[in-house]
Protein backbone atom coordinates (compact mmCIF):
# COMPACT_ATOMS: atom_id res chain seq x y z
CA UNK A 1 90.38 75.59 115.60
CA UNK A 2 90.26 72.56 113.16
CA UNK A 3 87.94 70.02 115.14
CA UNK A 4 89.73 67.09 113.27
CA UNK A 5 92.83 67.30 115.19
CA UNK A 6 91.23 67.08 118.61
CA UNK A 7 91.26 63.85 120.56
CA UNK A 8 87.78 63.02 121.81
CA UNK A 9 89.16 63.66 125.65
CA UNK A 10 90.79 66.88 124.67
CA UNK A 11 87.04 67.98 123.42
CA UNK A 12 85.39 67.30 126.00
CA UNK A 13 88.18 68.95 128.47
CA UNK A 14 87.81 72.07 126.28
CA UNK A 15 84.13 72.38 126.73
CA UNK A 16 82.39 74.54 129.47
CA UNK A 17 78.37 74.12 128.05
CA UNK A 18 76.20 71.99 130.00
CA UNK A 19 75.39 68.77 128.20
CA UNK A 20 72.48 68.32 129.95
CA UNK A 21 71.10 65.67 132.96
CA UNK A 22 72.46 64.14 136.11
CA UNK A 23 73.77 61.28 134.25
CA UNK A 24 75.98 63.43 132.19
CA UNK A 25 77.54 65.43 134.56
CA UNK A 26 78.60 62.11 136.68
CA UNK A 27 79.79 60.26 133.64
CA UNK A 28 81.83 63.28 132.59
CA UNK A 29 83.41 63.03 135.76
CA UNK A 30 84.27 59.51 135.70
CA UNK A 31 85.42 59.90 132.21
CA UNK A 32 88.59 58.29 132.84
CA UNK A 33 86.56 54.74 133.05
CA UNK A 34 86.05 54.81 129.01
CA UNK A 35 89.75 53.46 128.26
CA UNK A 36 89.29 50.70 130.83
CA UNK A 37 90.25 47.32 129.74
CA UNK A 38 87.44 45.23 128.54
CA UNK A 39 86.23 42.51 131.30
CA UNK A 40 87.30 39.34 129.26
CA UNK A 41 84.47 37.04 131.03
CA UNK A 42 81.67 39.51 129.91
CA UNK A 43 79.90 38.01 126.79
CA UNK A 44 79.66 40.43 123.86
CA UNK A 45 76.07 42.27 124.72
CA UNK A 46 74.51 45.38 124.36
CA UNK A 47 73.41 47.39 127.17
CA UNK A 48 70.36 50.29 127.17
CA UNK A 49 67.04 50.83 128.04
CA UNK A 50 65.29 49.26 125.50
CA UNK A 51 61.80 47.90 126.94
CA UNK A 52 62.65 43.93 127.22
CA UNK A 53 60.38 41.11 127.56
CA UNK A 54 59.89 39.62 130.96
CA UNK A 55 59.59 36.19 132.01
CA UNK A 56 56.33 35.68 132.81
CA UNK A 57 53.18 37.78 132.86
CA UNK A 58 53.88 40.91 135.26
CA UNK A 59 51.30 42.53 137.42
CA UNK A 60 53.59 45.83 137.92
CA UNK A 61 55.29 47.93 135.41
CA UNK A 62 56.79 50.64 137.47
CA UNK A 63 57.76 51.11 141.61
CA UNK A 64 57.89 53.36 144.07
CA UNK A 65 60.25 52.93 147.05
CA UNK A 66 59.96 54.55 150.19
CA UNK A 67 63.04 53.89 152.28
CA UNK A 68 62.52 55.12 155.81
CA UNK A 69 66.30 54.57 156.70
CA UNK A 70 67.01 54.48 160.54
CA UNK A 71 64.37 51.91 161.37
CA UNK A 72 61.09 53.00 161.93
CA UNK A 73 59.42 51.13 165.35
CA UNK A 74 57.01 48.69 164.02
CA UNK A 75 56.16 48.26 167.84
CA UNK A 76 54.49 51.70 167.97
CA UNK A 77 53.41 52.04 163.92
CA UNK A 78 52.41 48.96 162.77
CA UNK A 79 52.53 46.43 164.85
CA UNK A 80 50.66 46.51 168.37
CA UNK A 81 51.16 44.13 171.09
CA UNK A 82 48.65 43.68 173.65
CA UNK A 83 51.04 41.51 175.74
CA UNK A 84 53.74 44.47 176.14
CA UNK A 85 51.08 46.71 177.68
CA UNK A 86 49.48 43.82 180.01
CA UNK A 87 53.14 43.42 181.23
CA UNK A 88 54.58 47.22 180.87
CA UNK A 89 57.72 47.40 183.36
CA UNK A 90 58.81 44.03 183.38
CA UNK A 91 61.88 42.14 182.77
CA UNK A 92 62.03 41.00 179.27
CA UNK A 93 61.57 36.83 179.48
CA UNK A 94 64.46 35.99 177.24
CA UNK A 95 67.61 37.31 175.60
CA UNK A 96 67.93 40.18 173.30
CA UNK A 97 70.45 41.28 170.81
CA UNK A 98 71.52 45.17 171.54
CA UNK A 99 73.52 47.67 169.49
CA UNK A 100 74.29 49.10 172.73
CA UNK A 101 74.00 46.70 175.64
CA UNK A 102 75.03 49.75 178.14
CA UNK A 103 72.11 52.07 177.13
CA UNK A 104 69.35 49.56 177.56
CA UNK A 105 67.20 48.49 180.39
CA UNK A 106 65.91 45.24 179.97
CA UNK A 107 62.24 46.52 180.75
CA UNK A 108 59.45 45.93 178.82
CA UNK A 109 58.33 48.94 176.96
CA UNK A 110 54.41 49.28 175.23
CA UNK A 111 54.10 52.06 172.75
CA UNK A 112 52.76 55.54 174.01
CA UNK A 113 50.25 55.57 171.13
CA UNK A 114 46.94 53.83 170.90
CA UNK A 115 46.06 51.89 167.72
CA UNK A 116 42.94 52.06 166.05
CA UNK A 117 41.19 49.70 163.29
CA UNK A 118 40.69 51.63 160.00
CA UNK A 119 39.12 50.81 156.67
CA UNK A 120 36.79 47.97 155.87
CA UNK A 121 39.86 45.04 156.60
CA UNK A 122 40.02 46.84 159.92
CA UNK A 123 43.69 46.94 159.73
CA UNK A 124 44.77 47.78 163.31
CA UNK A 125 47.44 50.52 162.65
CA UNK A 126 48.95 53.65 165.17
CA UNK A 127 47.03 56.39 165.51
CA UNK A 128 50.04 58.27 164.72
CA UNK A 129 49.47 57.13 160.94
CA UNK A 130 45.90 58.41 160.38
CA UNK A 131 46.42 59.15 157.09
CA UNK A 132 47.59 55.75 156.12
CA UNK A 133 44.84 54.66 157.97
CA UNK A 134 42.24 55.96 155.10
CA UNK A 135 43.81 53.93 152.52
CA UNK A 136 44.39 51.01 154.07
CA UNK A 137 42.21 48.66 152.21
CA UNK A 138 44.79 49.20 149.39
CA UNK A 139 47.83 48.40 151.68
CA UNK A 140 49.11 44.99 152.77
CA UNK A 141 51.48 45.35 156.14
CA UNK A 142 53.83 42.36 156.36
CA UNK A 143 54.84 42.12 159.90
CA UNK A 144 57.23 39.61 159.96
CA UNK A 145 60.28 40.93 158.09
CA UNK A 146 63.86 40.31 158.94
CA UNK A 147 67.26 40.96 157.74
CA UNK A 148 69.16 39.53 161.05
CA UNK A 149 72.02 42.17 160.74
CA UNK A 150 71.60 44.13 163.83
CA UNK A 151 73.28 47.29 162.13
CA UNK A 152 72.10 50.30 160.14
CA UNK A 153 75.00 49.63 157.04
CA UNK A 154 74.94 46.10 156.63
CA UNK A 155 70.89 45.81 156.79
CA UNK A 156 70.48 48.51 154.41
CA UNK A 157 73.11 47.09 152.05
CA UNK A 158 71.03 43.49 152.71
CA UNK A 159 67.60 44.96 151.85
CA UNK A 160 68.73 46.44 148.84
CA UNK A 161 71.39 44.17 147.19
CA UNK A 162 70.58 40.66 148.61
CA UNK A 163 73.99 40.51 150.41
CA UNK A 164 75.77 42.49 153.73
CA UNK A 165 78.78 43.05 151.46
CA UNK A 166 79.32 46.50 149.72
CA UNK A 167 79.62 46.85 145.97
CA UNK A 168 76.68 44.82 144.60
CA UNK A 169 74.11 45.78 142.40
CA UNK A 170 70.76 47.36 143.94
CA UNK A 171 67.04 46.39 143.23
CA UNK A 172 66.53 49.24 141.00
CA UNK A 173 69.33 48.25 139.16
CA UNK A 174 68.33 45.03 138.80
CA UNK A 175 64.76 45.93 137.50
CA UNK A 176 66.13 48.50 135.12
CA UNK A 177 68.72 45.82 133.71
CA UNK A 178 66.42 43.21 133.51
CA UNK A 179 63.27 45.05 131.89
CA UNK A 180 64.79 48.38 130.67
CA UNK A 181 62.18 51.21 130.42
CA UNK A 182 59.02 52.38 128.93
CA UNK A 183 60.79 56.39 128.44
CA UNK A 184 63.67 56.26 126.54
CA UNK A 185 63.27 60.48 127.23
CA UNK A 186 63.99 59.76 131.30
CA UNK A 187 66.44 57.53 133.31
CA UNK A 188 64.61 54.20 134.23
CA UNK A 189 65.70 54.45 137.80
CA UNK A 190 65.42 58.06 139.72
CA UNK A 191 66.40 58.87 142.92
CA UNK A 192 64.85 61.36 145.29
CA UNK A 193 66.54 61.91 148.61
CA UNK A 194 66.63 64.23 151.53
CA UNK A 195 68.90 67.05 152.26
CA UNK A 196 71.10 64.05 154.38
CA UNK A 197 72.00 60.88 152.19
CA UNK A 198 70.54 57.59 154.15
CA UNK A 199 73.10 55.66 155.82
CA UNK A 200 76.05 54.19 152.95
CA UNK A 201 74.81 57.50 150.98
CA UNK A 202 75.41 56.85 147.27
CA UNK A 203 75.42 53.15 147.62
CA UNK A 204 72.17 52.61 147.90
CA UNK A 205 71.35 53.50 144.36
CA UNK A 206 74.43 51.93 143.24
CA UNK A 207 74.48 49.83 139.74
CA UNK A 208 77.47 47.53 141.58
CA UNK A 209 79.04 45.51 138.73
CA UNK A 210 76.17 46.07 136.42
CA UNK A 211 76.90 48.72 133.95
CA UNK A 212 76.64 52.56 134.46
CA UNK A 213 73.24 53.10 132.58
CA UNK A 214 71.47 51.03 135.51
CA UNK A 215 72.35 53.53 138.23
CA UNK A 216 69.92 55.64 140.14
CA UNK A 217 69.85 59.42 138.98
CA UNK A 218 69.24 61.73 141.69
CA UNK A 219 66.85 64.28 141.61
CA UNK A 220 67.56 66.84 144.34
CA UNK A 221 65.02 68.06 147.13
CA UNK A 222 65.63 72.09 145.98
CA UNK A 223 66.02 73.52 142.73
CA UNK A 224 67.67 73.11 140.60
CA UNK A 225 66.66 69.64 141.42
CA UNK A 226 68.67 68.14 138.39
CA UNK A 227 72.07 69.96 138.12
CA UNK A 228 73.51 70.58 134.66
CA UNK A 229 70.18 70.02 132.81
CA UNK A 230 70.10 72.67 130.62
CA UNK A 231 72.90 74.27 128.49
CA UNK A 232 74.39 77.71 128.47
CA UNK A 233 72.12 80.54 126.54
CA UNK A 234 74.29 81.07 123.51
CA UNK A 235 74.31 77.09 123.14
CA UNK A 236 71.13 76.16 122.86
CA UNK A 237 69.67 74.82 119.60
CA UNK A 238 71.57 74.13 116.62
CA UNK A 239 74.65 75.06 118.41
CA UNK A 240 74.18 72.51 120.85
CA UNK A 241 72.95 69.73 118.04
CA UNK A 242 76.17 70.00 116.27
CA UNK A 243 78.29 69.26 119.27
CA UNK A 244 76.27 66.28 120.55
CA UNK A 245 76.58 65.24 117.09
CA UNK A 246 80.36 65.41 116.75
CA UNK A 247 80.81 64.07 120.35
CA UNK A 248 78.51 60.73 119.19
CA UNK A 249 80.98 60.57 116.30
CA UNK A 250 83.98 60.48 118.10
CA UNK A 251 82.22 58.27 120.73
CA UNK A 252 81.56 55.81 118.08
CA UNK A 253 85.20 55.89 116.68
CA UNK A 254 86.44 54.91 120.38
CA UNK A 255 84.02 51.87 120.40
CA UNK A 256 84.72 50.73 117.26
CA UNK A 257 88.68 50.42 118.64
CA UNK A 258 87.11 48.80 121.64
CA UNK A 259 84.86 46.47 120.43
CA UNK A 260 82.53 44.52 123.51
CA UNK A 261 83.25 46.69 126.37
CA UNK A 262 79.94 46.78 128.34
CA UNK A 263 80.88 49.73 130.46
CA UNK A 264 81.53 51.97 127.49
CA UNK A 265 78.54 50.92 125.84
CA UNK A 266 76.16 51.58 128.73
CA UNK A 267 78.34 54.97 128.92
CA UNK A 268 77.22 56.04 125.18
CA UNK A 269 73.70 55.38 126.05
CA UNK A 270 74.14 57.38 129.08
CA UNK A 271 75.19 60.35 127.04
CA UNK A 272 72.45 60.17 124.66
CA UNK A 273 69.49 59.79 127.21
CA UNK A 274 71.47 62.86 129.16
CA UNK A 275 70.60 64.81 125.74
CA UNK A 276 67.14 63.84 125.69
CA UNK A 277 66.54 64.70 129.10
CA UNK A 278 66.85 68.23 129.00
CA UNK A 279 63.00 68.72 127.69
CA UNK A 280 61.33 65.69 129.60
CA UNK A 281 62.93 66.00 132.95
CA UNK A 282 61.76 69.54 133.04
CA UNK A 283 58.59 68.54 132.21
CA UNK A 284 58.43 66.12 134.62
CA UNK A 285 59.60 67.90 137.46
CA UNK A 286 57.35 71.19 137.14
CA UNK A 287 55.29 71.06 139.69
CA UNK A 288 53.18 74.38 138.75
CA UNK A 289 51.56 71.73 136.16
CA UNK A 290 49.52 70.28 139.14
CA UNK A 291 46.10 71.76 140.68
CA UNK A 292 46.10 73.24 144.03
CA UNK A 293 43.54 70.39 145.08
CA UNK A 294 46.65 67.80 144.42
CA UNK A 295 49.00 69.85 146.29
CA UNK A 296 46.68 69.80 149.34
CA UNK A 297 45.68 66.16 149.19
CA UNK A 298 49.77 65.72 149.32
CA UNK A 299 50.31 68.01 152.47
CA UNK A 300 51.92 71.05 150.47
CA UNK A 301 50.09 73.14 153.01
CA UNK A 302 51.69 71.46 155.89
CA UNK A 303 55.70 72.58 156.49
CA UNK A 304 56.11 69.31 158.56
CA UNK A 305 55.22 67.04 155.49
CA UNK A 306 55.87 69.58 152.90
CA UNK A 307 59.36 68.25 151.47
CA UNK A 308 58.56 64.86 151.36
CA UNK A 309 55.06 65.58 149.75
CA UNK A 310 56.82 67.37 147.07
CA UNK A 311 58.95 64.40 146.34
CA UNK A 312 56.08 62.01 146.68
CA UNK A 313 54.08 64.39 143.77
CA UNK A 314 57.02 63.91 141.89
CA UNK A 315 57.24 60.39 142.16
CA UNK A 316 54.02 60.09 140.78
CA UNK A 317 54.59 62.14 137.81
CA UNK A 318 57.95 60.13 137.13
CA UNK A 319 55.98 56.77 136.80
CA UNK A 320 53.31 58.26 134.64
CA UNK A 321 55.69 59.26 132.40
CA UNK A 322 57.32 55.83 132.08
CA UNK A 323 59.92 55.66 134.54
CA UNK A 324 60.49 51.87 135.79
CA UNK A 325 61.86 52.63 139.65
CA UNK A 326 61.59 55.52 141.81
CA UNK A 327 63.13 55.42 145.46
CA UNK A 328 62.47 58.26 148.11
CA UNK A 329 64.40 58.30 150.77
CA UNK A 330 64.36 59.78 153.96
CA UNK A 331 67.21 61.59 155.53
CA UNK A 332 70.63 60.08 157.38
CA UNK A 333 69.29 58.13 160.96
CA UNK A 334 66.00 60.10 160.86
CA UNK A 335 64.11 56.93 162.11
CA UNK A 336 67.09 56.11 164.63
CA UNK A 337 64.99 56.56 167.97
CA UNK A 338 67.31 55.41 170.28
CA UNK A 339 66.12 58.39 172.64
CA UNK A 340 63.52 61.12 172.48
CA UNK A 341 61.17 58.81 170.80
CA UNK A 342 58.28 60.60 172.37
CA UNK A 343 58.81 63.55 170.48
CA UNK A 344 61.04 62.09 167.47
CA UNK A 345 58.70 59.29 166.41
CA UNK A 346 55.43 61.62 166.06
CA UNK A 347 57.43 64.33 164.23
CA UNK A 348 58.96 61.68 161.72
CA UNK A 349 55.45 60.25 161.27
CA UNK A 350 53.65 63.18 160.08
CA UNK A 351 56.82 63.86 158.00
CA UNK A 352 55.65 60.90 155.61
CA UNK A 353 51.70 59.96 156.61
CA UNK A 354 49.98 62.18 154.56
CA UNK A 355 52.19 62.44 151.54
CA UNK A 356 52.72 58.63 151.32
CA UNK A 357 48.67 58.21 151.93
CA UNK A 358 48.25 60.62 149.06
CA UNK A 359 50.53 58.82 146.70
CA UNK A 360 48.09 55.71 146.96
CA UNK A 361 45.09 57.54 146.97
CA UNK A 362 46.55 59.61 143.97
CA UNK A 363 47.76 56.89 141.90
CA UNK A 364 44.63 54.46 142.28
CA UNK A 365 42.30 57.99 141.17
CA UNK A 366 44.42 57.90 137.87
CA UNK A 367 44.18 54.17 137.21
CA UNK A 368 47.96 53.59 137.81
CA UNK A 369 48.03 51.80 141.27
CA UNK A 370 46.90 48.63 139.38
CA UNK A 371 50.61 48.36 137.96
CA UNK A 372 52.63 50.28 140.32
CA UNK A 373 54.10 48.65 143.21
CA UNK A 374 54.33 51.10 146.29
CA UNK A 375 56.59 50.05 149.56
CA UNK A 376 56.92 51.47 152.35
CA UNK A 377 59.75 50.46 154.92
CA UNK A 378 63.28 51.00 156.69
CA UNK A 379 65.99 48.61 157.29
CA UNK A 380 64.88 47.37 160.88
CA UNK A 381 62.63 48.10 163.73
CA UNK A 382 63.21 48.90 167.22
CA UNK A 383 63.18 46.85 170.59
CA UNK A 384 60.59 46.18 172.76
CA UNK A 385 62.24 47.20 176.05
CA UNK A 386 63.73 50.91 177.31
CA UNK A 387 67.08 52.27 175.91
CA UNK A 388 67.97 55.66 177.83
CA UNK A 389 66.00 54.95 180.91
CA UNK A 390 67.63 57.73 182.89
CA UNK A 391 67.16 60.55 180.16
CA UNK A 392 64.88 60.84 177.12
CA UNK A 393 64.00 57.01 176.66
CA UNK A 394 63.79 55.62 173.42
CA UNK A 395 64.26 51.98 171.17
CA UNK A 396 67.28 50.27 170.19
CA UNK A 397 67.79 48.36 167.17
CA UNK A 398 65.76 45.30 166.04
CA UNK A 399 66.46 43.30 162.66
CA UNK A 400 64.87 40.25 163.52
CA UNK A 401 61.38 41.26 163.37
CA UNK A 402 59.93 44.44 161.70
CA UNK A 403 57.08 45.27 159.43
CA UNK A 404 56.72 46.98 156.20
CA UNK A 405 53.67 48.06 154.06
CA UNK A 406 52.98 47.71 150.50
CA UNK A 407 50.03 48.51 147.98
CA UNK A 408 49.23 48.51 144.53
CA UNK A 409 50.81 46.61 141.64
CA UNK A 410 49.73 43.26 142.39
CA UNK A 411 49.45 43.29 146.02
CA UNK A 412 46.39 42.15 148.18
CA UNK A 413 45.11 45.16 149.71
CA UNK A 414 43.24 45.04 152.69
CA UNK A 415 45.44 42.21 154.40
CA UNK A 416 48.41 41.59 157.15
CA UNK A 417 51.07 38.93 156.53
CA UNK A 418 53.41 37.27 159.29
CA UNK A 419 53.83 37.91 162.65
CA UNK A 420 56.38 38.76 165.17
CA UNK A 421 56.26 37.11 168.90
CA UNK A 422 54.00 38.63 172.07
CA UNK A 423 56.56 41.15 172.52
CA UNK A 424 57.41 42.31 168.69
CA UNK A 425 60.86 40.79 168.86
CA UNK A 426 61.40 37.86 166.53
CA UNK A 427 59.66 37.14 163.29
CA UNK A 428 58.07 33.73 163.99
CA UNK A 429 55.19 33.28 161.68
CA UNK A 430 55.88 33.36 157.72
CA UNK A 431 58.96 35.05 157.69
CA UNK A 432 59.83 37.15 155.11
CA UNK A 433 63.75 37.60 154.87
CA UNK A 434 65.46 40.35 152.84
CA UNK A 435 65.68 37.89 149.87
CA UNK A 436 62.45 36.76 149.91
CA UNK A 437 61.37 40.61 149.75
CA UNK A 438 63.47 40.92 146.20
CA UNK A 439 62.43 37.36 144.95
CA UNK A 440 58.93 38.54 145.38
CA UNK A 441 59.30 42.23 143.85
CA UNK A 442 61.05 40.72 140.71
CA UNK A 443 58.35 38.46 140.69
CA UNK A 444 55.69 40.90 140.49
CA UNK A 445 57.58 42.60 137.86
CA UNK A 446 57.47 39.07 135.44
CA UNK A 447 60.97 37.96 136.68
CA UNK A 448 62.13 34.89 137.91
CA UNK A 449 65.11 35.68 140.56
CA UNK A 450 66.79 32.59 139.57
CA UNK A 451 66.80 33.72 135.73
CA UNK A 452 67.55 37.22 136.08
CA UNK A 453 71.53 36.85 135.34
CA UNK A 454 74.23 38.78 135.01
CA UNK A 455 77.49 37.02 133.85
CA UNK A 456 80.65 38.50 135.26
CA UNK A 457 84.55 36.99 135.65
CA UNK A 458 82.70 33.55 134.29
CA UNK A 459 80.05 33.48 137.18
CA UNK A 460 76.58 34.01 136.63
CA UNK A 461 75.11 36.30 139.52
CA UNK A 462 71.89 37.24 140.48
CA UNK A 463 69.93 39.65 142.98
CA UNK A 464 69.26 36.80 145.54
CA UNK A 465 72.63 35.26 144.73
CA UNK A 466 71.82 31.43 145.53
CA UNK A 467 69.98 32.44 148.93
CA UNK A 468 66.77 29.99 149.75
CA UNK A 469 64.55 32.81 148.48
CA UNK A 470 61.00 32.11 147.90
CA UNK A 471 57.99 34.02 146.30
CA UNK A 472 55.39 35.35 149.15
CA UNK A 473 52.33 34.08 146.88
CA UNK A 474 49.95 34.68 149.82
CA UNK A 475 50.22 38.70 149.56
CA UNK A 476 49.77 38.89 146.12
CA UNK A 477 46.38 39.76 144.26
């Protein structure tokens, strides 16, 4: 067969060998975009993962985001409300916004679980989170989060992308676009989802209209963790090298005929990264290299949390190797406790408590916490009144005041910030909107949210998108 007579597309279509990397598998599937017309509004630029200088000296170089999709009940976990305890069973003295109004009884419902003070800081959190209590002096609990969009989809999208409308780039994509990656052998943005994807699925790690090199690369929760990572045995070594060299030649010739196509340039960079991942990703995901003591620390011996423990340990191994942004997700509606909260919330807390606390402890022990920002939270909290009173009681949605916690990466540990009202419904003091959260994270990485710009269709677009975003300096070390 004469290779010189083959087009690039026929050459790829006729190949059966693995080219390595989840990024490559997705890219090949989407190959029709390669010939897409150039967006005339874009200036000719090169998009890759080379490290880039921030706007100002950064505190953080990597981030691990633990996304608790469904809405953990802040009232039962991180934000004790004595007034609820005193007025249990009484009507809520005001108006509430419900997602399921026919199911909700306007009756105040205090937490069934006790709170206690942990650490030298004395931060008060639920006894459902004892392991978090063991590292609480490294943690800042923010009790005044708000998206004010009382729906899972829109609130998750707002927290991820800055606006409630789908199709925009997520925070991880913006960070990798702005800063590139320290490792050139692993993706800058890696995602470790549960068996079921969180609400809105892959949009949680979408690059939106940023070039595709900045989207999240998925690491599965079962083996093989990255599909198509290795070539077929008969194509390893020199044979694969020749194949990839020829593919590179075809790609470059195509790019020469279509100069200035940002999406094509990003696609070629992804092909090259996928080949380099074959060795680096296999090593990074190999948990047999970790000691038995480390595995016990994370909770490998507890079936209730082993899956999340494995993903937390992988996250630490990835940031050790230069990955910029790692996102861990719980499954679809895992924290959406409209009913049966008495058994479901303790089960959810047990799944994540030991692994997430171990992650903070382990990062600190290895000297990585100072430069690795850890964030934990969902897209909403829950209401202070009873839902499903005639069956298995629970709590309805609340996006007007909820809690998240942060550690490392320039965060002031052993502190709390902001407050909801006496019933835990509205954030009333030092409110942190979703766009404030995003501006603060960019700031910790040395990026000014107003200056991190992507030009598209003659517009200068940002993550915070001209909203009145502020950097929350009070939580910074």
